[in-house]
Amino acid sequence: MKKYLIRFSSVHARMLLLLIVAASIGGTELMAQDSAATTPVVKKKSYVKNTFEGNFLIDEQTVMVPIKGTFEFDINHRFGTTDHSFKDLFGLFASANMRLGFSYTPLKDLQVGFGANNFNMQVDFSAKYALLKQTKDNKMPISVTYYGNAAMDTRERNASLNIVTTSDRFSFYNQIIVARKFSEKFSLQASFSDTHFNNVDGYYDGNNIIQPKMQSDNLTFSVGGRYKISPKTSIIVNYDQPLTQNPMDNPHPNLSLGLDMKSSGHDFQVFFGNYGYTIPQNNSVLNQNDFTKGQYVIGFNISRLWNF
């Protein structure tokens, strides 16, 4: 009887030990499963790509900011107005405005640039930053970008040119751009911009007192879009409406239409519209070309990109 009890107790002890080990393993698995179930899965945001083909939409900036490490070289060219017909071959033989520009993206979503154009021997410095980007899941349905520049008239100081102090040389441009890519073919954007000139042209009133011809600050609303007709070619359109009323020489709105042709390292746009300058503050405030009178200009933008 004693031997039987000892054998029984030994077997019981081994079974008890096996039950404890099994319970321990099962508890660990349950804890692991519970931990996995309660840990949230973080999904990486996926952004919509190529809302537009590049930085330019004819005379306006787009919401696009190149990827970090992109260096870009731009040529912006505007011929004379077409209203003289064959006398100057629709403006091709008339005086033209041209700008050479350089830009670089040193940080994600931030682009800085420099340019020089022949109108008033101006140089400009610019910055562009993507504030919001449209996501593929549509939780962020739009893209929002800020663009701004400061331009300097580098001609010799001369009162007749309205340049008396260094401050007179400067003008500034600030713009908020909102865009949405509706499909692989169609994208649309709208923007509000403010242009500031430190000094503006004046005139003598009836009391022989100098009065400004225009406001120092001018607001403009713009809307534009693109529609792809092939994988590398798009129809592009843009309209700009000045909003500020000036005492004299109110700028005319701009209506433009063209083609955008894209390759792996180039973006080429050819178009006609009635903006004849190559930096936005001049177009927004100084434009006197009237598209209702056929005063269009032929223009083109060429961009070459490198990635470092």
Protein backbone atom coordinates (compact mmCIF):
# COMPACT_ATOMS: atom_id res chain seq x y z
CA MET A 1 0.00 0.00 0.00
CA LYS A 2 2.85 2.36 0.81
CA LYS A 3 4.66 1.67 -2.47
CA TYR A 4 1.49 2.30 -4.38
CA LEU A 5 0.98 5.63 -2.71
CA ILE A 6 4.54 6.73 -3.48
CA ARG A 7 4.17 5.74 -7.17
CA PHE A 8 0.85 7.56 -7.37
CA SER A 9 2.26 10.72 -5.89
CA SER A 10 5.19 10.76 -8.35
CA VAL A 11 2.93 10.39 -11.37
CA HIS A 12 0.62 13.09 -10.03
CA ALA A 13 3.53 15.45 -9.52
CA ARG A 14 4.71 14.99 -13.12
CA MET A 15 1.22 15.63 -14.47
CA LEU A 16 0.90 18.73 -12.34
CA LEU A 17 4.24 20.00 -13.63
CA LEU A 18 3.15 19.45 -17.25
CA LEU A 19 -0.10 21.33 -16.62
CA ILE A 20 1.80 24.30 -15.16
CA VAL A 21 4.17 24.47 -18.17
CA ALA A 22 1.29 24.22 -20.65
CA ALA A 23 -0.64 26.94 -18.86
CA SER A 24 2.43 29.14 -18.86
CA ILE A 25 2.99 28.73 -22.61
CA GLY A 26 -0.69 29.28 -23.37
CA GLY A 27 -0.74 32.42 -21.23
CA THR A 28 2.29 33.81 -23.04
CA GLU A 29 0.64 33.21 -26.42
CA LEU A 30 -2.56 34.87 -25.23
CA MET A 31 -0.62 37.86 -23.93
CA ALA A 32 1.21 38.13 -27.26
CA GLN A 33 -2.06 37.91 -29.18
CA ASP A 34 -3.68 40.46 -26.90
CA SER A 35 -0.70 42.80 -27.30
CA ALA A 36 -0.84 42.47 -31.07
CA ALA A 37 -4.57 43.09 -31.05
CA THR A 38 -4.30 46.27 -28.99
CA THR A 39 -1.28 47.79 -30.83
CA PRO A 40 -2.61 50.20 -33.52
CA VAL A 41 -1.31 49.72 -37.07
CA VAL A 42 0.13 53.02 -38.31
CA LYS A 43 -0.29 53.44 -42.06
CA LYS A 44 2.20 55.63 -43.89
CA LYS A 45 0.58 58.54 -45.75
CA SER A 46 0.53 58.12 -49.50
CA TYR A 47 0.44 61.37 -51.45
CA VAL A 48 -0.97 62.10 -54.88
CA LYS A 49 1.83 62.60 -57.41
CA ASN A 50 2.17 64.88 -60.44
CA THR A 51 -0.78 67.18 -59.88
CA PHE A 52 0.96 69.28 -62.54
CA GLU A 53 3.98 68.54 -64.69
CA GLY A 54 6.26 71.18 -63.17
CA ASN A 55 6.61 74.53 -61.42
CA PHE A 56 4.89 76.63 -64.07
CA LEU A 57 1.34 76.86 -65.34
CA ILE A 58 1.97 79.41 -68.12
CA ASP A 59 2.36 82.67 -66.13
CA GLU A 60 1.56 81.21 -62.71
CA GLN A 61 3.31 78.91 -60.27
CA THR A 62 1.77 75.52 -59.53
CA VAL A 63 1.48 73.73 -56.17
CA MET A 64 4.31 71.42 -57.20
CA VAL A 65 7.59 71.44 -55.26
CA PRO A 66 10.32 69.17 -56.70
CA ILE A 67 11.79 66.40 -54.56
CA LYS A 68 14.72 67.13 -52.26
CA GLY A 69 17.99 67.55 -54.14
CA THR A 70 16.45 68.82 -57.41
CA PHE A 71 18.25 71.59 -59.29
CA GLU A 72 16.23 73.38 -61.97
CA PHE A 73 17.13 75.77 -64.78
CA ASP A 74 14.31 77.81 -66.37
CA ILE A 75 13.96 79.96 -69.47
CA ASN A 76 10.82 82.14 -69.60
CA HIS A 77 10.30 84.05 -72.85
CA ARG A 78 7.54 86.40 -74.03
CA PHE A 79 7.48 87.93 -77.53
CA GLY A 80 5.73 91.18 -78.49
CA THR A 81 1.98 91.52 -78.96
CA THR A 82 0.33 89.90 -81.99
CA ASP A 83 -1.91 92.85 -82.91
CA HIS A 84 0.55 94.27 -85.51
CA SER A 85 0.07 91.19 -87.66
CA PHE A 86 2.75 90.66 -90.36
CA LYS A 87 4.46 94.00 -89.68
CA ASP A 88 6.50 92.27 -86.98
CA LEU A 89 5.37 88.68 -87.72
CA PHE A 90 2.81 88.65 -84.90
CA GLY A 91 5.28 89.96 -82.35
CA LEU A 92 8.13 87.54 -83.10
CA PHE A 93 10.29 90.41 -84.40
CA ALA A 94 9.19 92.85 -81.69
CA SER A 95 11.00 93.51 -78.43
CA ALA A 96 10.72 90.59 -76.04
CA ASN A 97 11.02 89.88 -72.32
CA MET A 98 13.17 86.98 -71.16
CA ARG A 99 14.09 85.56 -67.77
CA LEU A 100 16.74 83.03 -66.80
CA GLY A 101 16.07 81.32 -63.49
CA PHE A 102 17.74 78.80 -61.19
CA SER A 103 16.18 76.95 -58.26
CA TYR A 104 17.11 74.21 -55.81
CA THR A 105 15.24 72.07 -53.28
CA PRO A 106 17.55 71.83 -50.24
CA LEU A 107 14.89 70.42 -47.89
CA LYS A 108 11.77 68.33 -48.32
CA ASP A 109 8.88 70.52 -49.58
CA LEU A 110 11.04 73.70 -49.76
CA GLN A 111 12.40 75.24 -52.95
CA VAL A 112 14.49 78.43 -53.22
CA GLY A 113 15.39 80.26 -56.41
CA PHE A 114 17.07 83.15 -58.18
CA GLY A 115 16.35 84.77 -61.53
CA ALA A 116 17.26 87.69 -63.79
CA ASN A 117 15.19 89.25 -66.56
CA ASN A 118 15.78 92.06 -69.03
CA PHE A 119 12.73 94.18 -68.10
CA ASN A 120 14.08 96.98 -65.87
CA MET A 121 17.17 94.78 -65.35
CA GLN A 122 15.37 93.04 -62.49
CA VAL A 123 16.71 90.22 -60.35
CA ASP A 124 14.42 88.14 -58.15
CA PHE A 125 14.77 85.79 -55.18
CA SER A 126 12.01 83.30 -54.46
CA ALA A 127 10.85 80.63 -52.01
CA LYS A 128 8.18 77.95 -52.37
CA TYR A 129 6.87 75.66 -49.64
CA ALA A 130 4.28 72.86 -49.77
CA LEU A 131 2.01 73.43 -46.75
CA LEU A 132 -0.41 70.56 -47.42
CA LYS A 133 -0.40 67.70 -49.92
CA GLN A 134 -3.35 65.78 -51.32
CA THR A 135 -3.44 62.16 -50.10
CA LYS A 136 -4.53 59.11 -52.07
CA ASP A 137 -7.06 58.12 -49.40
CA ASN A 138 -8.66 61.58 -49.78
CA LYS A 139 -8.33 62.40 -46.08
CA MET A 140 -6.54 65.51 -47.35
CA PRO A 141 -8.47 66.36 -50.54
CA ILE A 142 -6.33 69.30 -51.68
CA SER A 143 -2.76 70.53 -51.94
CA VAL A 144 -1.80 73.97 -50.60
CA THR A 145 1.48 75.74 -51.40
CA TYR A 146 2.95 79.14 -50.56
CA TYR A 147 5.04 81.03 -53.11
CA GLY A 148 6.78 84.35 -52.59
CA ASN A 149 9.49 86.46 -54.16
CA ALA A 150 11.33 89.75 -53.84
CA ALA A 151 12.46 91.55 -57.00
CA MET A 152 14.99 94.35 -57.35
CA ASP A 153 15.31 96.91 -60.16
CA THR A 154 19.08 97.19 -60.74
CA ARG A 155 19.13 100.16 -63.12
CA GLU A 156 21.16 103.22 -62.18
CA ARG A 157 19.55 105.54 -59.66
CA ASN A 158 17.52 108.14 -61.52
CA ALA A 159 14.52 110.21 -60.41
CA SER A 160 12.99 109.99 -63.88
CA LEU A 161 12.96 106.21 -63.50
CA ASN A 162 11.29 106.53 -60.11
CA ILE A 163 14.43 105.29 -58.36
CA VAL A 164 15.62 107.72 -55.68
CA THR A 165 16.47 105.45 -52.73
CA THR A 166 17.46 101.79 -52.49
CA SER A 167 14.03 100.97 -51.11
CA ASP A 168 12.43 102.24 -54.34
CA ARG A 169 13.98 99.36 -56.21
CA PHE A 170 12.06 96.58 -54.46
CA SER A 171 8.75 94.84 -55.11
CA PHE A 172 7.31 91.78 -53.34
CA TYR A 173 4.90 89.02 -54.28
CA ASN A 174 3.06 86.59 -51.97
CA GLN A 175 0.71 83.85 -53.14
CA ILE A 176 -1.32 80.97 -51.71
CA ILE A 177 -2.12 78.22 -54.22
CA VAL A 178 -4.81 75.56 -53.71
CA ALA A 179 -5.07 72.61 -56.12
CA ARG A 180 -6.69 69.22 -56.58
CA LYS A 181 -5.91 66.37 -58.93
CA PHE A 182 -9.32 65.02 -59.89
CA SER A 183 -8.04 62.23 -62.13
CA GLU A 184 -4.91 61.14 -63.95
CA LYS A 185 -5.88 63.52 -66.76
CA PHE A 186 -7.46 66.53 -65.05
CA SER A 187 -6.06 68.91 -62.40
CA LEU A 188 -7.31 72.32 -61.29
CA GLN A 189 -5.88 75.07 -59.10
CA ALA A 190 -6.84 78.51 -57.79
CA SER A 191 -4.79 81.15 -56.01
CA PHE A 192 -4.86 84.54 -54.31
CA SER A 193 -1.84 86.80 -54.49
CA ASP A 194 -0.73 90.13 -53.07
CA THR A 195 1.75 92.36 -54.89
CA HIS A 196 3.56 95.20 -53.13
CA PHE A 197 5.68 97.91 -54.77
CA ASN A 198 7.70 100.10 -52.42
CA ASN A 199 7.37 102.97 -54.87
CA VAL A 200 4.87 103.51 -57.70
CA ASP A 201 4.59 105.97 -60.57
CA GLY A 202 2.82 109.26 -59.88
CA TYR A 203 1.13 112.13 -61.66
CA TYR A 204 0.40 115.79 -60.93
CA ASP A 205 -3.20 116.55 -59.99
CA GLY A 206 -5.04 119.86 -60.54
CA ASN A 207 -3.32 121.36 -57.51
CA ASN A 208 0.11 120.42 -58.86
CA ILE A 209 0.51 117.76 -56.16
CA ILE A 210 1.97 114.36 -57.03
CA GLN A 211 -0.56 111.55 -56.67
CA PRO A 212 0.12 107.80 -57.11
CA LYS A 213 -1.17 106.20 -60.28
CA MET A 214 -1.75 102.90 -58.52
CA GLN A 215 -1.99 101.37 -55.09
CA SER A 216 1.14 100.07 -53.44
CA ASP A 217 -0.67 96.76 -52.76
CA ASN A 218 -2.68 94.92 -55.39
CA LEU A 219 -4.67 91.68 -55.05
CA THR A 220 -5.19 89.14 -57.84
CA PHE A 221 -7.27 85.98 -58.17
CA SER A 222 -6.13 83.25 -60.56
CA VAL A 223 -7.51 79.94 -61.73
CA GLY A 224 -5.98 77.41 -64.10
CA GLY A 225 -5.82 73.78 -65.03
CA ARG A 226 -4.43 71.06 -67.24
CA TYR A 227 -5.96 68.17 -69.18
CA LYS A 228 -3.71 65.39 -70.45
CA ILE A 229 -4.31 64.37 -74.05
CA SER A 230 -1.44 61.86 -74.01
CA PRO A 231 0.93 60.49 -71.35
CA LYS A 232 3.43 63.32 -72.03
CA THR A 233 1.27 66.14 -73.45
CA SER A 234 -1.37 68.34 -71.78
CA ILE A 235 -3.61 71.24 -72.71
CA ILE A 236 -3.08 74.05 -70.19
CA VAL A 237 -5.21 77.12 -69.50
CA ASN A 238 -5.01 80.01 -67.05
CA TYR A 239 -7.00 83.12 -66.15
CA ASP A 240 -5.89 85.98 -63.86
CA GLN A 241 -8.25 88.66 -62.55
CA PRO A 242 -6.89 91.80 -60.83
CA LEU A 243 -9.08 92.73 -57.85
CA THR A 244 -7.68 96.10 -56.71
CA GLN A 245 -8.97 99.32 -58.22
CA ASN A 246 -6.24 101.89 -58.94
CA PRO A 247 -6.58 105.63 -59.57
CA MET A 248 -5.13 105.17 -63.08
CA ASP A 249 -3.92 102.44 -65.41
CA ASN A 250 -5.82 99.49 -63.96
CA PRO A 251 -4.19 96.26 -65.14
CA HIS A 252 -6.10 94.10 -67.60
CA PRO A 253 -6.96 90.47 -66.79
CA ASN A 254 -5.01 87.69 -68.44
CA LEU A 255 -6.38 84.81 -70.50
CA SER A 256 -3.92 82.21 -71.76
CA LEU A 257 -3.97 78.82 -73.47
CA GLY A 258 -1.20 76.44 -74.47
CA LEU A 259 0.43 73.02 -74.58
CA ASP A 260 2.67 71.37 -71.99
CA MET A 261 5.12 68.70 -73.22
CA LYS A 262 6.99 66.63 -70.63
CA SER A 263 10.01 64.34 -70.79
CA SER A 264 12.05 62.70 -68.04
CA GLY A 265 14.24 65.77 -67.48
CA HIS A 266 12.50 68.58 -69.39
CA ASP A 267 9.21 70.46 -69.26
CA PHE A 268 8.35 72.62 -72.29
CA GLN A 269 5.31 74.90 -72.53
CA VAL A 270 4.28 76.97 -75.55
CA PHE A 271 1.23 79.24 -75.31
CA PHE A 272 -0.40 82.53 -76.10
CA GLY A 273 -1.91 84.94 -73.59
CA ASN A 274 -1.85 88.66 -72.87
CA TYR A 275 0.64 88.74 -70.00
CA GLY A 276 3.93 89.99 -71.44
CA TYR A 277 6.23 90.02 -68.41
CA THR A 278 8.17 87.17 -66.83
CA ILE A 279 7.78 87.80 -63.08
CA PRO A 280 4.33 87.76 -61.44
CA GLN A 281 4.29 91.18 -59.74
CA ASN A 282 4.85 92.94 -63.07
CA ASN A 283 2.08 90.93 -64.73
CA SER A 284 -0.37 91.47 -61.86
CA VAL A 285 0.06 95.26 -61.66
CA LEU A 286 1.59 96.58 -64.90
CA ASN A 287 -0.19 94.59 -67.62
CA GLN A 288 -1.88 96.84 -70.20
CA ASN A 289 -2.42 94.23 -72.93
CA ASP A 290 -6.13 93.78 -73.60
CA PHE A 291 -7.11 90.35 -74.96
CA THR A 292 -10.45 91.77 -76.19
CA LYS A 293 -8.39 93.85 -78.65
CA GLY A 294 -6.25 90.96 -79.78
CA GLN A 295 -3.23 92.06 -77.76
CA TYR A 296 -1.86 88.59 -77.12
CA VAL A 297 1.74 87.51 -76.85
CA ILE A 298 3.31 84.20 -77.84
CA GLY A 299 5.46 82.75 -75.10
CA PHE A 300 7.23 79.66 -73.89
CA ASN A 301 8.71 78.18 -70.70
CA ILE A 302 11.54 75.66 -70.72
CA SER A 303 12.62 73.81 -67.57
CA ARG A 304 15.55 71.42 -67.20
CA LEU A 305 15.89 69.35 -64.01
CA TRP A 306 18.76 67.48 -62.40
CA ASN A 307 18.68 65.40 -59.21
CA PHE A 308 21.65 65.32 -56.84
